[in-house]
Amino acid sequence: MPLKRYAIIPARGSSKGIPRKNLYFVAGKPLLYYTIKAALDAKVFDEVTVSSESDEILSYASEMGVISSKRPEHLSRDNVHSIYVVLDYIKSQRLLGDATVCMLLPTSPLRSSGDIRQALEKYENSNADSLVSVYRDNKHILNFRRVNHSGYLEPVIKANPNVQRQEIDPLYVVNGSIYVSRPKILLKYKSFHMGKVIPFVMDKRLSIDINTLEDIREVEMKIKKCE
């Protein structure tokens, strides 16, 4: 019997940067719409669940045909990482240790159903503990600096400052789009980022993680170009 696949979409009702961000209209649709639609269109999940403390968000999730799950109040604060929402979901649903769990954050509206299918296929054909979506960045890590307590610049890493770009391994940035693992792994590490983690490389242009109104405008431009 094939193992089941579950998608969990953490969607808080409150937001400091953009009020009601997950329901903020982006190109004529609530931001949350794009992630729910991608999850449903992927046609790979036994269940798609939206977790929120907001009755408005839960009502919208139900209207779109997915499961709505009322999040405990202590998991709805600003400083609570989304992994704890996933862990609560795993425990409350008593998911089997080897099932596949995919976390999809609503702040990544340009992720497609095809991306989700390919990410799950790559993960399930591997021996990895988890999969995390990333994009390749062309920035030179030796050019990064921090300002120390004395106000002076210092390198982020200690290395030969004159090394050539060609001699440095490429860098990848977590884009917040797709996270995949199994309940037993997540309960062990309490993270998608520990153990043997494989990358799912996405196009940098489609890796916008919405935090500001400027991000929304950029996403709207890309969506309109595709219409």
C-alpha atoms as a PDB file:
ATOM      1  CA  MET A   1       0.000   0.000   0.000  1.00  0.00           C
ATOM      2  CA  PRO A   2       1.546   3.342  -1.041  1.00  0.00           C
ATOM      3  CA  LEU A   3       2.380   5.785   1.719  1.00  0.00           C
ATOM      4  CA  LYS A   4       0.158   8.815   2.025  1.00  0.00           C
ATOM      5  CA  ARG A   5       1.160  12.359   1.202  1.00  0.00           C
ATOM      6  CA  TYR A   6       0.048  15.368   3.208  1.00  0.00           C
ATOM      7  CA  ALA A   7       0.369  19.079   2.446  1.00  0.00           C
ATOM      8  CA  ILE A   8       0.260  21.528   5.329  1.00  0.00           C
ATOM      9  CA  ILE A   9      -0.110  25.266   4.634  1.00  0.00           C
ATOM     10  CA  PRO A  10       0.597  27.437   7.725  1.00  0.00           C
ATOM     11  CA  ALA A  11      -1.331  30.704   7.312  1.00  0.00           C
ATOM     12  CA  ARG A  12      -1.541  33.114  10.232  1.00  0.00           C
ATOM     13  CA  GLY A  13      -4.225  35.781  10.210  1.00  0.00           C
ATOM     14  CA  SER A  14      -2.052  38.542  11.636  1.00  0.00           C
ATOM     15  CA  SER A  15       1.048  40.087  10.099  1.00  0.00           C
ATOM     16  CA  LYS A  16       3.194  43.043  11.106  1.00  0.00           C
ATOM     17  CA  GLY A  17       4.607  43.953   7.699  1.00  0.00           C
ATOM     18  CA  ILE A  18       1.451  43.628   5.582  1.00  0.00           C
ATOM     19  CA  PRO A  19      -1.861  43.574   7.486  1.00  0.00           C
ATOM     20  CA  ARG A  20      -3.852  40.376   6.775  1.00  0.00           C
ATOM     21  CA  LYS A  21      -1.059  39.356   4.404  1.00  0.00           C
ATOM     22  CA  ASN A  22      -2.353  35.882   3.586  1.00  0.00           C
ATOM     23  CA  LEU A  23      -5.670  37.355   2.418  1.00  0.00           C
ATOM     24  CA  TYR A  24      -4.127  40.438   0.791  1.00  0.00           C
ATOM     25  CA  PHE A  25      -5.220  40.638  -2.829  1.00  0.00           C
ATOM     26  CA  VAL A  26      -2.408  39.916  -5.282  1.00  0.00           C
ATOM     27  CA  ALA A  27      -3.327  40.238  -8.965  1.00  0.00           C
ATOM     28  CA  GLY A  28      -7.001  39.969  -8.033  1.00  0.00           C
ATOM     29  CA  LYS A  29      -6.749  36.934  -5.740  1.00  0.00           C
ATOM     30  CA  PRO A  30      -5.965  36.502  -2.029  1.00  0.00           C
ATOM     31  CA  LEU A  31      -2.305  35.580  -1.563  1.00  0.00           C
ATOM     32  CA  LEU A  32      -3.323  32.260   0.005  1.00  0.00           C
ATOM     33  CA  TYR A  33      -5.205  31.317  -3.181  1.00  0.00           C
ATOM     34  CA  TYR A  34      -2.020  30.661  -5.168  1.00  0.00           C
ATOM     35  CA  THR A  35      -0.583  28.125  -2.725  1.00  0.00           C
ATOM     36  CA  ILE A  36      -3.865  26.259  -2.231  1.00  0.00           C
ATOM     37  CA  LYS A  37      -4.413  26.109  -5.996  1.00  0.00           C
ATOM     38  CA  ALA A  38      -0.875  24.839  -6.661  1.00  0.00           C
ATOM     39  CA  ALA A  39      -1.295  22.137  -4.004  1.00  0.00           C
ATOM     40  CA  LEU A  40      -4.639  21.000  -5.438  1.00  0.00           C
ATOM     41  CA  ASP A  41      -3.504  21.180  -9.061  1.00  0.00           C
ATOM     42  CA  ALA A  42      -0.458  19.042  -8.267  1.00  0.00           C
ATOM     43  CA  LYS A  43      -2.875  16.132  -7.662  1.00  0.00           C
ATOM     44  CA  VAL A  44      -0.355  14.310  -5.475  1.00  0.00           C
ATOM     45  CA  PHE A  45      -1.739  14.812  -1.962  1.00  0.00           C
ATOM     46  CA  ASP A  46      -4.168  12.681   0.001  1.00  0.00           C
ATOM     47  CA  GLU A  47      -4.942  15.712   2.131  1.00  0.00           C
ATOM     48  CA  VAL A  48      -4.279  19.453   1.852  1.00  0.00           C
ATOM     49  CA  THR A  49      -4.706  21.322   5.136  1.00  0.00           C
ATOM     50  CA  VAL A  50      -4.569  25.027   5.969  1.00  0.00           C
ATOM     51  CA  SER A  51      -3.615  25.729   9.591  1.00  0.00           C
ATOM     52  CA  SER A  52      -4.606  29.103  11.032  1.00  0.00           C
ATOM     53  CA  GLU A  53      -5.924  30.853  14.125  1.00  0.00           C
ATOM     54  CA  SER A  54      -8.039  33.071  11.844  1.00  0.00           C
ATOM     55  CA  ASP A  55     -11.646  32.039  11.250  1.00  0.00           C
ATOM     56  CA  GLU A  56     -11.631  34.168   8.098  1.00  0.00           C
ATOM     57  CA  ILE A  57      -8.684  32.247   6.649  1.00  0.00           C
ATOM     58  CA  LEU A  58     -10.149  28.897   7.675  1.00  0.00           C
ATOM     59  CA  SER A  59     -13.455  29.806   6.030  1.00  0.00           C
ATOM     60  CA  TYR A  60     -11.649  30.756   2.829  1.00  0.00           C
ATOM     61  CA  ALA A  61      -9.681  27.485   2.881  1.00  0.00           C
ATOM     62  CA  SER A  62     -12.921  25.516   3.211  1.00  0.00           C
ATOM     63  CA  GLU A  63     -14.426  27.432   0.294  1.00  0.00           C
ATOM     64  CA  MET A  64     -11.462  26.352  -1.836  1.00  0.00           C
ATOM     65  CA  GLY A  65     -12.075  22.719  -0.935  1.00  0.00           C
ATOM     66  CA  VAL A  66      -9.229  21.975   1.459  1.00  0.00           C
ATOM     67  CA  ILE A  67      -9.206  21.013   5.128  1.00  0.00           C
ATOM     68  CA  SER A  68      -9.188  23.874   7.625  1.00  0.00           C
ATOM     69  CA  SER A  69      -7.478  23.271  10.965  1.00  0.00           C
ATOM     70  CA  LYS A  70      -7.804  25.701  13.889  1.00  0.00           C
ATOM     71  CA  ARG A  71      -4.346  26.367  15.222  1.00  0.00           C
ATOM     72  CA  PRO A  72      -3.745  26.463  18.999  1.00  0.00           C
ATOM     73  CA  GLU A  73      -3.337  30.017  20.280  1.00  0.00           C
ATOM     74  CA  HIS A  74       0.216  29.404  21.528  1.00  0.00           C
ATOM     75  CA  LEU A  75       1.263  28.559  17.949  1.00  0.00           C
ATOM     76  CA  SER A  76      -0.122  31.812  16.535  1.00  0.00           C
ATOM     77  CA  ARG A  77       2.381  34.273  17.963  1.00  0.00           C
ATOM     78  CA  ASP A  78       4.859  36.226  15.839  1.00  0.00           C
ATOM     79  CA  ASN A  79       7.890  34.393  17.214  1.00  0.00           C
ATOM     80  CA  VAL A  80       6.617  30.845  16.562  1.00  0.00           C
ATOM     81  CA  HIS A  81       8.431  29.131  13.696  1.00  0.00           C
ATOM     82  CA  SER A  82       6.189  27.344  11.184  1.00  0.00           C
ATOM     83  CA  ILE A  83       7.912  24.003  11.916  1.00  0.00           C
ATOM     84  CA  TYR A  84       6.038  23.875  15.230  1.00  0.00           C
ATOM     85  CA  VAL A  85       2.743  24.142  13.370  1.00  0.00           C
ATOM     86  CA  VAL A  86       3.804  21.164  11.254  1.00  0.00           C
ATOM     87  CA  LEU A  87       4.844  19.175  14.325  1.00  0.00           C
ATOM     88  CA  ASP A  88       1.518  19.918  16.003  1.00  0.00           C
ATOM     89  CA  TYR A  89      -0.265  18.752  12.840  1.00  0.00           C
ATOM     90  CA  ILE A  90       1.753  15.510  12.745  1.00  0.00           C
ATOM     91  CA  LYS A  91       0.957  14.742  16.378  1.00  0.00           C
ATOM     92  CA  SER A  92      -2.723  15.714  16.247  1.00  0.00           C
ATOM     93  CA  GLN A  93      -3.308  13.661  13.093  1.00  0.00           C
ATOM     94  CA  ARG A  94      -1.113  10.820  14.337  1.00  0.00           C
ATOM     95  CA  LEU A  95       0.623  10.585  10.993  1.00  0.00           C
ATOM     96  CA  LEU A  96       2.631   7.467  10.260  1.00  0.00           C
ATOM     97  CA  GLY A  97       6.388   7.906  10.495  1.00  0.00           C
ATOM     98  CA  ASP A  98       7.062   7.150   6.832  1.00  0.00           C
ATOM     99  CA  ALA A  99       4.284   9.242   5.283  1.00  0.00           C
ATOM    100  CA  THR A 100       5.366  12.240   3.190  1.00  0.00           C
ATOM    101  CA  VAL A 101       4.736  15.692   4.659  1.00  0.00           C
ATOM    102  CA  CYS A 102       5.093  18.792   2.498  1.00  0.00           C
ATOM    103  CA  MET A 103       5.016  22.289   3.996  1.00  0.00           C
ATOM    104  CA  LEU A 104       3.964  25.017   1.570  1.00  0.00           C
ATOM    105  CA  LEU A 105       4.200  28.611   2.785  1.00  0.00           C
ATOM    106  CA  PRO A 106       1.619  31.049   1.333  1.00  0.00           C
ATOM    107  CA  THR A 107       4.290  33.726   0.905  1.00  0.00           C
ATOM    108  CA  SER A 108       5.647  31.916  -2.181  1.00  0.00           C
ATOM    109  CA  PRO A 109       2.857  32.393  -4.736  1.00  0.00           C
ATOM    110  CA  LEU A 110       4.951  31.745  -7.856  1.00  0.00           C
ATOM    111  CA  ARG A 111       5.637  28.105  -6.985  1.00  0.00           C
ATOM    112  CA  SER A 112       3.748  25.915  -9.470  1.00  0.00           C
ATOM    113  CA  SER A 113       1.965  22.582  -9.218  1.00  0.00           C
ATOM    114  CA  GLY A 114       4.731  21.190 -11.440  1.00  0.00           C
ATOM    115  CA  ASP A 115       7.357  22.339  -8.950  1.00  0.00           C
ATOM    116  CA  ILE A 116       5.523  20.485  -6.192  1.00  0.00           C
ATOM    117  CA  ARG A 117       5.219  17.273  -8.212  1.00  0.00           C
ATOM    118  CA  GLN A 118       8.886  17.333  -9.197  1.00  0.00           C
ATOM    119  CA  ALA A 119      10.032  18.072  -5.641  1.00  0.00           C
ATOM    120  CA  LEU A 120       8.039  15.157  -4.214  1.00  0.00           C
ATOM    121  CA  GLU A 121       9.281  12.820  -6.930  1.00  0.00           C
ATOM    122  CA  LYS A 122      12.895  13.806  -6.280  1.00  0.00           C
ATOM    123  CA  TYR A 123      12.494  13.341  -2.536  1.00  0.00           C
ATOM    124  CA  GLU A 124      10.723  10.001  -2.720  1.00  0.00           C
ATOM    125  CA  ASN A 125      13.315   8.638  -5.151  1.00  0.00           C
ATOM    126  CA  SER A 126      16.141   9.578  -2.784  1.00  0.00           C
ATOM    127  CA  ASN A 127      17.500   8.341   0.515  1.00  0.00           C
ATOM    128  CA  ALA A 128      17.436  11.846   1.972  1.00  0.00           C
ATOM    129  CA  ASP A 129      15.882  12.857   5.256  1.00  0.00           C
ATOM    130  CA  SER A 130      14.377  16.041   3.849  1.00  0.00           C
ATOM    131  CA  LEU A 131      14.166  18.241   0.758  1.00  0.00           C
ATOM    132  CA  VAL A 132      14.261  22.048   0.743  1.00  0.00           C
ATOM    133  CA  SER A 133      13.688  24.297  -2.274  1.00  0.00           C
ATOM    134  CA  VAL A 134      16.435  26.785  -3.110  1.00  0.00           C
ATOM    135  CA  TYR A 135      17.693  29.009  -5.902  1.00  0.00           C
ATOM    136  CA  ARG A 136      21.255  29.466  -7.048  1.00  0.00           C
ATOM    137  CA  ASP A 137      22.750  32.830  -6.206  1.00  0.00           C
ATOM    138  CA  ASN A 138      25.662  34.336  -8.091  1.00  0.00           C
ATOM    139  CA  LYS A 139      26.835  36.503  -5.219  1.00  0.00           C
ATOM    140  CA  HIS A 140      30.429  35.992  -4.126  1.00  0.00           C
ATOM    141  CA  ILE A 141      30.428  34.966  -0.450  1.00  0.00           C
ATOM    142  CA  LEU A 142      33.826  36.574   0.054  1.00  0.00           C
ATOM    143  CA  ASN A 143      32.224  39.933  -0.743  1.00  0.00           C
ATOM    144  CA  PHE A 144      29.895  39.692   2.266  1.00  0.00           C
ATOM    145  CA  ARG A 145      30.840  41.743   5.315  1.00  0.00           C
ATOM    146  CA  ARG A 146      29.441  42.344   8.778  1.00  0.00           C
ATOM    147  CA  VAL A 147      29.943  45.456  10.899  1.00  0.00           C
ATOM    148  CA  ASN A 148      31.662  44.501  14.161  1.00  0.00           C
ATOM    149  CA  HIS A 149      31.175  46.075  17.586  1.00  0.00           C
ATOM    150  CA  SER A 150      33.841  48.657  16.809  1.00  0.00           C
ATOM    151  CA  GLY A 151      32.053  49.781  13.662  1.00  0.00           C
ATOM    152  CA  TYR A 152      34.545  48.219  11.261  1.00  0.00           C
ATOM    153  CA  LEU A 153      33.814  45.880   8.372  1.00  0.00           C
ATOM    154  CA  GLU A 154      34.956  42.298   8.726  1.00  0.00           C
ATOM    155  CA  PRO A 155      34.519  39.286   6.390  1.00  0.00           C
ATOM    156  CA  VAL A 156      31.635  36.934   7.113  1.00  0.00           C
ATOM    157  CA  ILE A 157      34.001  34.012   6.571  1.00  0.00           C
ATOM    158  CA  LYS A 158      37.744  33.863   7.036  1.00  0.00           C
ATOM    159  CA  ALA A 159      39.381  33.025   3.693  1.00  0.00           C
ATOM    160  CA  ASN A 160      41.809  34.348   1.129  1.00  0.00           C
ATOM    161  CA  PRO A 161      40.150  37.621  -0.005  1.00  0.00           C
ATOM    162  CA  ASN A 162      41.849  37.368  -3.410  1.00  0.00           C
ATOM    163  CA  VAL A 163      40.485  33.953  -4.398  1.00  0.00           C
ATOM    164  CA  GLN A 164      38.822  33.847  -7.823  1.00  0.00           C
ATOM    165  CA  ARG A 165      35.053  33.283  -8.178  1.00  0.00           C
ATOM    166  CA  GLN A 166      35.697  30.149 -10.280  1.00  0.00           C
ATOM    167  CA  GLU A 167      37.396  28.517  -7.298  1.00  0.00           C
ATOM    168  CA  ILE A 168      34.359  28.876  -5.000  1.00  0.00           C
ATOM    169  CA  ASP A 169      31.459  26.433  -4.798  1.00  0.00           C
ATOM    170  CA  PRO A 170      28.120  27.932  -5.930  1.00  0.00           C
ATOM    171  CA  LEU A 171      25.787  29.230  -3.228  1.00  0.00           C
ATOM    172  CA  TYR A 172      22.120  28.341  -2.852  1.00  0.00           C
ATOM    173  CA  VAL A 173      19.480  30.355  -0.995  1.00  0.00           C
ATOM    174  CA  VAL A 174      16.449  28.813   0.719  1.00  0.00           C
ATOM    175  CA  ASN A 175      13.454  30.368  -1.061  1.00  0.00           C
ATOM    176  CA  GLY A 176      10.629  29.302   1.271  1.00  0.00           C
ATOM    177  CA  SER A 177       8.592  27.530  -1.420  1.00  0.00           C
ATOM    178  CA  ILE A 178       8.698  23.775  -0.752  1.00  0.00           C
ATOM    179  CA  TYR A 179       9.767  21.681   2.230  1.00  0.00           C
ATOM    180  CA  VAL A 180       9.387  17.893   2.244  1.00  0.00           C
ATOM    181  CA  SER A 181      10.150  15.299   4.890  1.00  0.00           C
ATOM    182  CA  ARG A 182       8.654  12.438   6.898  1.00  0.00           C
ATOM    183  CA  PRO A 183       6.994  12.610  10.339  1.00  0.00           C
ATOM    184  CA  LYS A 184       9.663  10.468  12.013  1.00  0.00           C
ATOM    185  CA  ILE A 185      12.414  12.762  10.670  1.00  0.00           C
ATOM    186  CA  LEU A 186      10.642  15.959  11.715  1.00  0.00           C
ATOM    187  CA  LEU A 187       9.861  14.618  15.168  1.00  0.00           C
ATOM    188  CA  LYS A 188      13.530  13.695  15.547  1.00  0.00           C
ATOM    189  CA  TYR A 189      15.149  16.898  14.296  1.00  0.00           C
ATOM    190  CA  LYS A 190      12.295  19.413  14.697  1.00  0.00           C
ATOM    191  CA  SER A 191      13.514  20.939  11.438  1.00  0.00           C
ATOM    192  CA  PHE A 192      13.497  20.423   7.669  1.00  0.00           C
ATOM    193  CA  HIS A 193      17.125  21.580   7.619  1.00  0.00           C
ATOM    194  CA  MET A 194      18.910  18.848   9.568  1.00  0.00           C
ATOM    195  CA  GLY A 195      20.159  15.402   8.645  1.00  0.00           C
ATOM    196  CA  LYS A 196      20.628  14.539   4.969  1.00  0.00           C
ATOM    197  CA  VAL A 197      18.911  17.363   3.096  1.00  0.00           C
ATOM    198  CA  ILE A 198      18.701  17.500  -0.695  1.00  0.00           C
ATOM    199  CA  PRO A 199      18.000  20.653  -2.722  1.00  0.00           C
ATOM    200  CA  PHE A 200      15.199  21.292  -5.143  1.00  0.00           C
ATOM    201  CA  VAL A 201      16.605  24.062  -7.313  1.00  0.00           C
ATOM    202  CA  MET A 202      14.087  26.589  -8.607  1.00  0.00           C
ATOM    203  CA  ASP A 203      14.362  29.579 -10.898  1.00  0.00           C
ATOM    204  CA  LYS A 204      15.463  32.629  -8.920  1.00  0.00           C
ATOM    205  CA  ARG A 205      12.872  34.731 -10.756  1.00  0.00           C
ATOM    206  CA  LEU A 206      10.107  32.538  -9.337  1.00  0.00           C
ATOM    207  CA  SER A 207      11.538  32.456  -5.813  1.00  0.00           C
ATOM    208  CA  ILE A 208      10.036  35.657  -4.430  1.00  0.00           C
ATOM    209  CA  ASP A 209       9.155  35.342  -0.738  1.00  0.00           C
ATOM    210  CA  ILE A 210       6.566  38.021   0.010  1.00  0.00           C
ATOM    211  CA  ASN A 211       7.387  40.231   2.970  1.00  0.00           C
ATOM    212  CA  THR A 212       6.769  43.736   1.633  1.00  0.00           C
ATOM    213  CA  LEU A 213       4.412  45.600  -0.682  1.00  0.00           C
ATOM    214  CA  GLU A 214       7.309  45.875  -3.135  1.00  0.00           C
ATOM    215  CA  ASP A 215       7.460  42.066  -3.246  1.00  0.00           C
ATOM    216  CA  ILE A 216       3.739  41.986  -4.043  1.00  0.00           C
ATOM    217  CA  ARG A 217       4.143  44.439  -6.901  1.00  0.00           C
ATOM    218  CA  GLU A 218       6.960  42.330  -8.345  1.00  0.00           C
ATOM    219  CA  VAL A 219       4.836  39.179  -8.119  1.00  0.00           C
ATOM    220  CA  GLU A 220       1.893  40.921  -9.775  1.00  0.00           C
ATOM    221  CA  MET A 221       4.092  41.943 -12.690  1.00  0.00           C
ATOM    222  CA  LYS A 222       5.240  38.343 -13.178  1.00  0.00           C
ATOM    223  CA  ILE A 223       1.698  36.962 -12.930  1.00  0.00           C
ATOM    224  CA  LYS A 224       0.406  39.447 -15.490  1.00  0.00           C
ATOM    225  CA  LYS A 225       3.198  38.526 -17.895  1.00  0.00           C
ATOM    226  CA  CYS A 226       2.029  34.901 -17.738  1.00  0.00           C
ATOM    227  CA  GLU A 227      -1.629  35.700 -18.402  1.00  0.00           C
END
